[in-house]
Amino acid sequence: MSLANGTPSVRIWPVGTKRIIGVSEGRFYLEEYANVPDELVRQLTWDNAMFADFTVCPFTDDKPGVMRLVCVESAENVEIRERK
């Protein structure tokens, strides 16, 4: 998981793939629900990336060439690494 310019700004790269999935910020936003836990977002900066075993809930279908929108339910085995 890392921050990126554009929408959505929180994105996840499933290691070993060429896919990027986006954490929905607007289209599937509910005021009483966070689409990514605050404790995860607080650890992200523009200079690092989070590697973890994420549990995600998809909002959109998986289509080649289209960023799939998800929410993040949880993360285990979290490791923060400096971006190169």
PDB file of N, CA and C in Angstrom:
ATOM      1  N   MET A   1       0.854  -1.168   0.000  1.00  0.00           N
ATOM      2  CA  MET A   1       0.000   0.000   0.000  1.00  0.00           C
ATOM      3  C   MET A   1       0.894   1.223   0.000  1.00  0.00           C
ATOM      4  N   SER A   2       0.516   2.195  -0.814  1.00  0.00           N
ATOM      5  CA  SER A   2       1.286   3.432  -0.856  1.00  0.00           C
ATOM      6  C   SER A   2       0.375   4.561  -1.301  1.00  0.00           C
ATOM      7  N   LEU A   3       0.899   5.771  -1.192  1.00  0.00           N
ATOM      8  CA  LEU A   3       0.189   6.960  -1.648  1.00  0.00           C
ATOM      9  C   LEU A   3       0.624   7.269  -3.069  1.00  0.00           C
ATOM     10  N   ALA A   4      -0.322   7.770  -3.868  1.00  0.00           N
ATOM     11  CA  ALA A   4      -0.029   8.113  -5.255  1.00  0.00           C
ATOM     12  C   ALA A   4      -0.810   9.357  -5.630  1.00  0.00           C
ATOM     13  N   ASN A   5      -0.293  10.096  -6.606  1.00  0.00           N
ATOM     14  CA  ASN A   5      -1.039  11.236  -7.137  1.00  0.00           C
ATOM     15  C   ASN A   5      -2.248  10.717  -7.892  1.00  0.00           C
ATOM     16  N   GLY A   6      -3.354  11.400  -7.795  1.00  0.00           N
ATOM     17  CA  GLY A   6      -4.562  10.997  -8.495  1.00  0.00           C
ATOM     18  C   GLY A   6      -5.569  10.397  -7.541  1.00  0.00           C
ATOM     19  N   THR A   7      -6.644   9.919  -8.117  1.00  0.00           N
ATOM     20  CA  THR A   7      -7.721   9.346  -7.327  1.00  0.00           C
ATOM     21  C   THR A   7      -7.925   7.904  -7.752  1.00  0.00           C
ATOM     22  N   PRO A   8      -7.975   7.003  -6.828  1.00  0.00           N
ATOM     23  CA  PRO A   8      -7.755   7.163  -5.394  1.00  0.00           C
ATOM     24  C   PRO A   8      -6.276   7.301  -5.066  1.00  0.00           C
ATOM     25  N   SER A   9      -5.984   7.991  -3.995  1.00  0.00           N
ATOM     26  CA  SER A   9      -4.580   8.233  -3.646  1.00  0.00           C
ATOM     27  C   SER A   9      -3.959   7.093  -2.851  1.00  0.00           C
ATOM     28  N   VAL A  10      -4.778   6.265  -2.195  1.00  0.00           N
ATOM     29  CA  VAL A  10      -4.251   5.095  -1.485  1.00  0.00           C
ATOM     30  C   VAL A  10      -4.436   3.896  -2.413  1.00  0.00           C
ATOM     31  N   ARG A  11      -3.311   3.271  -2.750  1.00  0.00           N
ATOM     32  CA  ARG A  11      -3.339   2.176  -3.720  1.00  0.00           C
ATOM     33  C   ARG A  11      -2.551   0.978  -3.201  1.00  0.00           C
ATOM     34  N   ILE A  12      -2.948  -0.180  -3.669  1.00  0.00           N
ATOM     35  CA  ILE A  12      -2.291  -1.421  -3.266  1.00  0.00           C
ATOM     36  C   ILE A  12      -1.804  -2.142  -4.515  1.00  0.00           C
ATOM     37  N   TRP A  13      -0.551  -2.552  -4.476  1.00  0.00           N
ATOM     38  CA  TRP A  13       0.027  -3.363  -5.539  1.00  0.00           C
ATOM     39  C   TRP A  13       0.119  -4.795  -5.033  1.00  0.00           C
ATOM     40  N   PRO A  14      -0.682  -5.719  -5.560  1.00  0.00           N
ATOM     41  CA  PRO A  14      -0.518  -7.119  -5.179  1.00  0.00           C
ATOM     42  C   PRO A  14       0.835  -7.625  -5.708  1.00  0.00           C
ATOM     43  N   VAL A  15       1.742  -7.896  -4.797  1.00  0.00           N
ATOM     44  CA  VAL A  15       3.109  -8.279  -5.161  1.00  0.00           C
ATOM     45  C   VAL A  15       3.087  -9.446  -6.144  1.00  0.00           C
ATOM     46  N   GLY A  16       3.911  -9.337  -7.172  1.00  0.00           N
ATOM     47  CA  GLY A  16       4.007 -10.384  -8.172  1.00  0.00           C
ATOM     48  C   GLY A  16       3.042 -10.219  -9.326  1.00  0.00           C
ATOM     49  N   THR A  17       2.265  -9.125  -9.318  1.00  0.00           N
ATOM     50  CA  THR A  17       1.314  -8.877 -10.398  1.00  0.00           C
ATOM     51  C   THR A  17       1.629  -7.537 -11.056  1.00  0.00           C
ATOM     52  N   LYS A  18       0.919  -7.248 -12.121  1.00  0.00           N
ATOM     53  CA  LYS A  18       1.004  -5.944 -12.768  1.00  0.00           C
ATOM     54  C   LYS A  18      -0.234  -5.109 -12.447  1.00  0.00           C
ATOM     55  N   ARG A  19      -1.005  -5.539 -11.443  1.00  0.00           N
ATOM     56  CA  ARG A  19      -2.252  -4.878 -11.081  1.00  0.00           C
ATOM     57  C   ARG A  19      -2.045  -3.843  -9.985  1.00  0.00           C
ATOM     58  N   ILE A  20      -2.881  -2.836  -9.979  1.00  0.00           N
ATOM     59  CA  ILE A  20      -2.978  -1.858  -8.896  1.00  0.00           C
ATOM     60  C   ILE A  20      -4.451  -1.799  -8.526  1.00  0.00           C
ATOM     61  N   ILE A  21      -4.738  -1.920  -7.232  1.00  0.00           N
ATOM     62  CA  ILE A  21      -6.115  -1.748  -6.786  1.00  0.00           C
ATOM     63  C   ILE A  21      -6.183  -0.481  -5.945  1.00  0.00           C
ATOM     64  N   GLY A  22      -7.294   0.200  -6.023  1.00  0.00           N
ATOM     65  CA  GLY A  22      -7.440   1.484  -5.346  1.00  0.00           C
ATOM     66  C   GLY A  22      -8.415   1.418  -4.185  1.00  0.00           C
ATOM     67  N   VAL A  23      -8.069   2.090  -3.108  1.00  0.00           N
ATOM     68  CA  VAL A  23      -8.971   2.185  -1.961  1.00  0.00           C
ATOM     69  C   VAL A  23      -9.940   3.329  -2.236  1.00  0.00           C
ATOM     70  N   SER A  24     -11.211   2.987  -2.358  1.00  0.00           N
ATOM     71  CA  SER A  24     -12.232   3.965  -2.725  1.00  0.00           C
ATOM     72  C   SER A  24     -12.270   5.126  -1.738  1.00  0.00           C
ATOM     73  N   GLU A  25     -12.281   6.345  -2.273  1.00  0.00           N
ATOM     74  CA  GLU A  25     -12.320   7.552  -1.442  1.00  0.00           C
ATOM     75  C   GLU A  25     -13.633   8.297  -1.575  1.00  0.00           C
ATOM     76  N   GLY A  26     -14.332   8.120  -2.664  1.00  0.00           N
ATOM     77  CA  GLY A  26     -15.522   8.925  -2.881  1.00  0.00           C
ATOM     78  C   GLY A  26     -16.728   8.134  -3.328  1.00  0.00           C
ATOM     79  N   ARG A  27     -16.568   7.388  -4.374  1.00  0.00           N
ATOM     80  CA  ARG A  27     -17.702   6.691  -4.990  1.00  0.00           C
ATOM     81  C   ARG A  27     -18.420   5.753  -4.017  1.00  0.00           C
ATOM     82  N   PHE A  28     -17.669   5.081  -3.156  1.00  0.00           N
ATOM     83  CA  PHE A  28     -18.256   4.145  -2.208  1.00  0.00           C
ATOM     84  C   PHE A  28     -18.039   4.609  -0.769  1.00  0.00           C
ATOM     85  N   TYR A  29     -17.980   5.911  -0.577  1.00  0.00           N
ATOM     86  CA  TYR A  29     -17.730   6.498   0.734  1.00  0.00           C
ATOM     87  C   TYR A  29     -19.004   6.515   1.579  1.00  0.00           C
ATOM     88  N   LEU A  30     -18.880   6.072   2.832  1.00  0.00           N
ATOM     89  CA  LEU A  30     -19.945   6.194   3.821  1.00  0.00           C
ATOM     90  C   LEU A  30     -19.369   6.943   5.007  1.00  0.00           C
ATOM     91  N   GLU A  31     -20.046   7.982   5.454  1.00  0.00           N
ATOM     92  CA  GLU A  31     -19.516   8.842   6.509  1.00  0.00           C
ATOM     93  C   GLU A  31     -19.171   8.074   7.786  1.00  0.00           C
ATOM     94  N   GLU A  32     -19.966   7.076   8.122  1.00  0.00           N
ATOM     95  CA  GLU A  32     -19.753   6.337   9.373  1.00  0.00           C
ATOM     96  C   GLU A  32     -18.778   5.163   9.227  1.00  0.00           C
ATOM     97  N   TYR A  33     -18.184   5.001   8.054  1.00  0.00           N
ATOM     98  CA  TYR A  33     -17.299   3.858   7.814  1.00  0.00           C
ATOM     99  C   TYR A  33     -16.024   4.313   7.114  1.00  0.00           C
ATOM    100  N   ALA A  34     -14.886   3.838   7.575  1.00  0.00           N
ATOM    101  CA  ALA A  34     -13.605   4.161   6.927  1.00  0.00           C
ATOM    102  C   ALA A  34     -13.253   3.050   5.939  1.00  0.00           C
ATOM    103  N   ASN A  35     -12.937   3.417   4.720  1.00  0.00           N
ATOM    104  CA  ASN A  35     -12.584   2.423   3.713  1.00  0.00           C
ATOM    105  C   ASN A  35     -11.185   1.856   3.892  1.00  0.00           C
ATOM    106  N   VAL A  36     -10.431   2.441   4.809  1.00  0.00           N
ATOM    107  CA  VAL A  36      -9.134   1.887   5.223  1.00  0.00           C
ATOM    108  C   VAL A  36      -8.958   2.299   6.686  1.00  0.00           C
ATOM    109  N   PRO A  37      -8.561   1.364   7.547  1.00  0.00           N
ATOM    110  CA  PRO A  37      -8.408   1.709   8.963  1.00  0.00           C
ATOM    111  C   PRO A  37      -7.424   2.866   9.174  1.00  0.00           C
ATOM    112  N   ASP A  38      -7.796   3.799  10.054  1.00  0.00           N
ATOM    113  CA  ASP A  38      -6.964   4.978  10.319  1.00  0.00           C
ATOM    114  C   ASP A  38      -5.545   4.617  10.740  1.00  0.00           C
ATOM    115  N   GLU A  39      -5.389   3.545  11.525  1.00  0.00           N
ATOM    116  CA  GLU A  39      -4.052   3.186  11.996  1.00  0.00           C
ATOM    117  C   GLU A  39      -3.132   2.789  10.846  1.00  0.00           C
ATOM    118  N   LEU A  40      -3.688   2.354   9.735  1.00  0.00           N
ATOM    119  CA  LEU A  40      -2.865   2.043   8.560  1.00  0.00           C
ATOM    120  C   LEU A  40      -2.493   3.316   7.808  1.00  0.00           C
ATOM    121  N   VAL A  41      -3.478   4.174   7.584  1.00  0.00           N
ATOM    122  CA  VAL A  41      -3.238   5.416   6.837  1.00  0.00           C
ATOM    123  C   VAL A  41      -2.221   6.301   7.551  1.00  0.00           C
ATOM    124  N   ARG A  42      -2.281   6.348   8.879  1.00  0.00           N
ATOM    125  CA  ARG A  42      -1.351   7.189   9.645  1.00  0.00           C
ATOM    126  C   ARG A  42       0.107   6.769   9.446  1.00  0.00           C
ATOM    127  N   GLN A  43       0.346   5.541   9.061  1.00  0.00           N
ATOM    128  CA  GLN A  43       1.714   5.059   8.873  1.00  0.00           C
ATOM    129  C   GLN A  43       2.268   5.376   7.487  1.00  0.00           C
ATOM    130  N   LEU A  44       1.401   5.759   6.555  1.00  0.00           N
ATOM    131  CA  LEU A  44       1.837   6.039   5.191  1.00  0.00           C
ATOM    132  C   LEU A  44       2.338   7.462   5.033  1.00  0.00           C
ATOM    133  N   THR A  45       3.429   7.605   4.302  1.00  0.00           N
ATOM    134  CA  THR A  45       3.926   8.911   3.873  1.00  0.00           C
ATOM    135  C   THR A  45       4.247   8.803   2.391  1.00  0.00           C
ATOM    136  N   TRP A  46       4.608   9.934   1.792  1.00  0.00           N
ATOM    137  CA  TRP A  46       4.993   9.907   0.378  1.00  0.00           C
ATOM    138  C   TRP A  46       6.339   9.214   0.182  1.00  0.00           C
ATOM    139  N   ASP A  47       7.059   8.981   1.270  1.00  0.00           N
ATOM    140  CA  ASP A  47       8.399   8.392   1.187  1.00  0.00           C
ATOM    141  C   ASP A  47       8.459   6.919   1.563  1.00  0.00           C
ATOM    142  N   ASN A  48       7.300   6.311   1.895  1.00  0.00           N
ATOM    143  CA  ASN A  48       7.349   4.907   2.268  1.00  0.00           C
ATOM    144  C   ASN A  48       6.223   4.120   1.612  1.00  0.00           C
ATOM    145  N   ALA A  49       6.268   2.813   1.798  1.00  0.00           N
ATOM    146  CA  ALA A  49       5.226   1.910   1.324  1.00  0.00           C
ATOM    147  C   ALA A  49       4.993   0.866   2.399  1.00  0.00           C
ATOM    148  N   MET A  50       3.782   0.376   2.469  1.00  0.00           N
ATOM    149  CA  MET A  50       3.412  -0.631   3.455  1.00  0.00           C
ATOM    150  C   MET A  50       3.232  -1.969   2.748  1.00  0.00           C
ATOM    151  N   PHE A  51       3.952  -2.962   3.229  1.00  0.00           N
ATOM    152  CA  PHE A  51       3.790  -4.323   2.747  1.00  0.00           C
ATOM    153  C   PHE A  51       3.066  -5.095   3.839  1.00  0.00           C
ATOM    154  N   ALA A  52       2.012  -5.826   3.466  1.00  0.00           N
ATOM    155  CA  ALA A  52       1.212  -6.545   4.461  1.00  0.00           C
ATOM    156  C   ALA A  52       0.330  -7.567   3.755  1.00  0.00           C
ATOM    157  N   ASP A  53      -0.264  -8.413   4.548  1.00  0.00           N
ATOM    158  CA  ASP A  53      -1.295  -9.318   4.058  1.00  0.00           C
ATOM    159  C   ASP A  53      -2.623  -8.607   4.293  1.00  0.00           C
ATOM    160  N   PHE A  54      -3.140  -7.978   3.240  1.00  0.00           N
ATOM    161  CA  PHE A  54      -4.355  -7.183   3.344  1.00  0.00           C
ATOM    162  C   PHE A  54      -5.589  -8.049   3.102  1.00  0.00           C
ATOM    163  N   THR A  55      -6.621  -7.787   3.865  1.00  0.00           N
ATOM    164  CA  THR A  55      -7.938  -8.347   3.593  1.00  0.00           C
ATOM    165  C   THR A  55      -8.764  -7.208   3.027  1.00  0.00           C
ATOM    166  N   VAL A  56      -9.186  -7.367   1.770  1.00  0.00           N
ATOM    167  CA  VAL A  56      -9.935  -6.302   1.102  1.00  0.00           C
ATOM    168  C   VAL A  56     -11.326  -6.790   0.736  1.00  0.00           C
ATOM    169  N   CYS A  57     -12.207  -5.826   0.592  1.00  0.00           N
ATOM    170  CA  CYS A  57     -13.581  -6.077   0.173  1.00  0.00           C
ATOM    171  C   CYS A  57     -13.786  -5.320  -1.138  1.00  0.00           C
ATOM    172  N   PRO A  58     -14.002  -6.029  -2.245  1.00  0.00           N
ATOM    173  CA  PRO A  58     -14.126  -5.343  -3.536  1.00  0.00           C
ATOM    174  C   PRO A  58     -15.461  -4.629  -3.698  1.00  0.00           C
ATOM    175  N   PHE A  59     -15.402  -3.441  -4.284  1.00  0.00           N
ATOM    176  CA  PHE A  59     -16.603  -2.687  -4.632  1.00  0.00           C
ATOM    177  C   PHE A  59     -16.944  -2.845  -6.109  1.00  0.00           C
ATOM    178  N   THR A  60     -15.918  -3.089  -6.925  1.00  0.00           N
ATOM    179  CA  THR A  60     -16.119  -3.201  -8.368  1.00  0.00           C
ATOM    180  C   THR A  60     -15.583  -4.545  -8.854  1.00  0.00           C
ATOM    181  N   ASP A  61     -16.019  -4.925 -10.037  1.00  0.00           N
ATOM    182  CA  ASP A  61     -15.552  -6.170 -10.641  1.00  0.00           C
ATOM    183  C   ASP A  61     -14.097  -6.044 -11.057  1.00  0.00           C
ATOM    184  N   ASP A  62     -13.425  -7.168 -11.146  1.00  0.00           N
ATOM    185  CA  ASP A  62     -12.036  -7.214 -11.585  1.00  0.00           C
ATOM    186  C   ASP A  62     -12.002  -7.266 -13.109  1.00  0.00           C
ATOM    187  N   LYS A  63     -11.582  -6.149 -13.734  1.00  0.00           N
ATOM    188  CA  LYS A  63     -11.533  -6.053 -15.192  1.00  0.00           C
ATOM    189  C   LYS A  63     -10.118  -5.686 -15.615  1.00  0.00           C
ATOM    190  N   PRO A  64      -9.541  -6.405 -16.574  1.00  0.00           N
ATOM    191  CA  PRO A  64      -8.198  -6.063 -17.051  1.00  0.00           C
ATOM    192  C   PRO A  64      -8.138  -4.612 -17.530  1.00  0.00           C
ATOM    193  N   GLY A  65      -7.085  -3.915 -17.122  1.00  0.00           N
ATOM    194  CA  GLY A  65      -6.872  -2.542 -17.549  1.00  0.00           C
ATOM    195  C   GLY A  65      -7.662  -1.493 -16.781  1.00  0.00           C
ATOM    196  N   VAL A  66      -8.447  -1.915 -15.781  1.00  0.00           N
ATOM    197  CA  VAL A  66      -9.262  -0.991 -14.989  1.00  0.00           C
ATOM    198  C   VAL A  66      -8.900  -1.169 -13.518  1.00  0.00           C
ATOM    199  N   MET A  67      -8.671  -0.055 -12.816  1.00  0.00           N
ATOM    200  CA  MET A  67      -8.346  -0.134 -11.396  1.00  0.00           C
ATOM    201  C   MET A  67      -9.578  -0.572 -10.613  1.00  0.00           C
ATOM    202  N   ARG A  68      -9.441  -1.666  -9.908  1.00  0.00           N
ATOM    203  CA  ARG A  68     -10.527  -2.188  -9.072  1.00  0.00           C
ATOM    204  C   ARG A  68     -10.596  -1.390  -7.783  1.00  0.00           C
ATOM    205  N   LEU A  69     -11.792  -0.988  -7.376  1.00  0.00           N
ATOM    206  CA  LEU A  69     -11.970  -0.234  -6.137  1.00  0.00           C
ATOM    207  C   LEU A  69     -12.335  -1.184  -5.005  1.00  0.00           C
ATOM    208  N   VAL A  70     -11.683  -0.980  -3.857  1.00  0.00           N
ATOM    209  CA  VAL A  70     -11.871  -1.850  -2.701  1.00  0.00           C
ATOM    210  C   VAL A  70     -11.915  -1.019  -1.427  1.00  0.00           C
ATOM    211  N   CYS A  71     -12.270  -1.679  -0.325  1.00  0.00           N
ATOM    212  CA  CYS A  71     -12.014  -1.142   1.003  1.00  0.00           C
ATOM    213  C   CYS A  71     -11.083  -2.141   1.682  1.00  0.00           C
ATOM    214  N   VAL A  72     -10.353  -1.681   2.673  1.00  0.00           N
ATOM    215  CA  VAL A  72      -9.419  -2.538   3.392  1.00  0.00           C
ATOM    216  C   VAL A  72     -10.036  -2.873   4.742  1.00  0.00           C
ATOM    217  N   GLU A  73     -10.267  -4.141   4.967  1.00  0.00           N
ATOM    218  CA  GLU A  73     -10.828  -4.595   6.235  1.00  0.00           C
ATOM    219  C   GLU A  73      -9.751  -4.689   7.313  1.00  0.00           C
ATOM    220  N   SER A  74      -8.576  -5.234   6.936  1.00  0.00           N
ATOM    221  CA  SER A  74      -7.509  -5.422   7.922  1.00  0.00           C
ATOM    222  C   SER A  74      -6.180  -5.652   7.210  1.00  0.00           C
ATOM    223  N   ALA A  75      -5.121  -5.622   8.011  1.00  0.00           N
ATOM    224  CA  ALA A  75      -3.782  -5.905   7.516  1.00  0.00           C
ATOM    225  C   ALA A  75      -3.008  -6.653   8.592  1.00  0.00           C
ATOM    226  N   GLU A  76      -2.315  -7.699   8.194  1.00  0.00           N
ATOM    227  CA  GLU A  76      -1.473  -8.473   9.108  1.00  0.00           C
ATOM    228  C   GLU A  76      -0.058  -8.490   8.560  1.00  0.00           C
ATOM    229  N   ASN A  77       0.895  -8.768   9.437  1.00  0.00           N
ATOM    230  CA  ASN A  77       2.316  -8.836   9.041  1.00  0.00           C
ATOM    231  C   ASN A  77       2.767  -7.544   8.370  1.00  0.00           C
ATOM    232  N   VAL A  78       2.421  -6.425   8.972  1.00  0.00           N
ATOM    233  CA  VAL A  78       2.703  -5.106   8.396  1.00  0.00           C
ATOM    234  C   VAL A  78       4.183  -4.787   8.485  1.00  0.00           C
ATOM    235  N   GLU A  79       4.732  -4.330   7.368  1.00  0.00           N
ATOM    236  CA  GLU A  79       6.128  -3.886   7.304  1.00  0.00           C
ATOM    237  C   GLU A  79       6.180  -2.596   6.494  1.00  0.00           C
ATOM    238  N   ILE A  80       6.801  -1.575   7.064  1.00  0.00           N
ATOM    239  CA  ILE A  80       6.947  -0.295   6.381  1.00  0.00           C
ATOM    240  C   ILE A  80       8.348  -0.241   5.779  1.00  0.00           C
ATOM    241  N   ARG A  81       8.415   0.100   4.483  1.00  0.00           N
ATOM    242  CA  ARG A  81       9.698   0.198   3.790  1.00  0.00           C
ATOM    243  C   ARG A  81       9.814   1.556   3.114  1.00  0.00           C
ATOM    244  N   GLU A  82      11.028   2.074   3.098  1.00  0.00           N
ATOM    245  CA  GLU A  82      11.302   3.322   2.401  1.00  0.00           C
ATOM    246  C   GLU A  82      11.160   3.080   0.912  1.00  0.00           C
ATOM    247  N   ARG A  83      10.504   4.026   0.213  1.00  0.00           N
ATOM    248  CA  ARG A  83      10.375   3.927  -1.239  1.00  0.00           C
ATOM    249  C   ARG A  83      11.683   4.289  -1.899  1.00  0.00           C
ATOM    250  N   LYS A  84      12.004   3.592  -2.943  1.00  0.00           N
ATOM    251  CA  LYS A  84      13.258   3.850  -3.673  1.00  0.00           C
ATOM    252  C   LYS A  84      12.990   4.624  -4.927  1.00  0.00           C
TER     253      LYS A  84
END
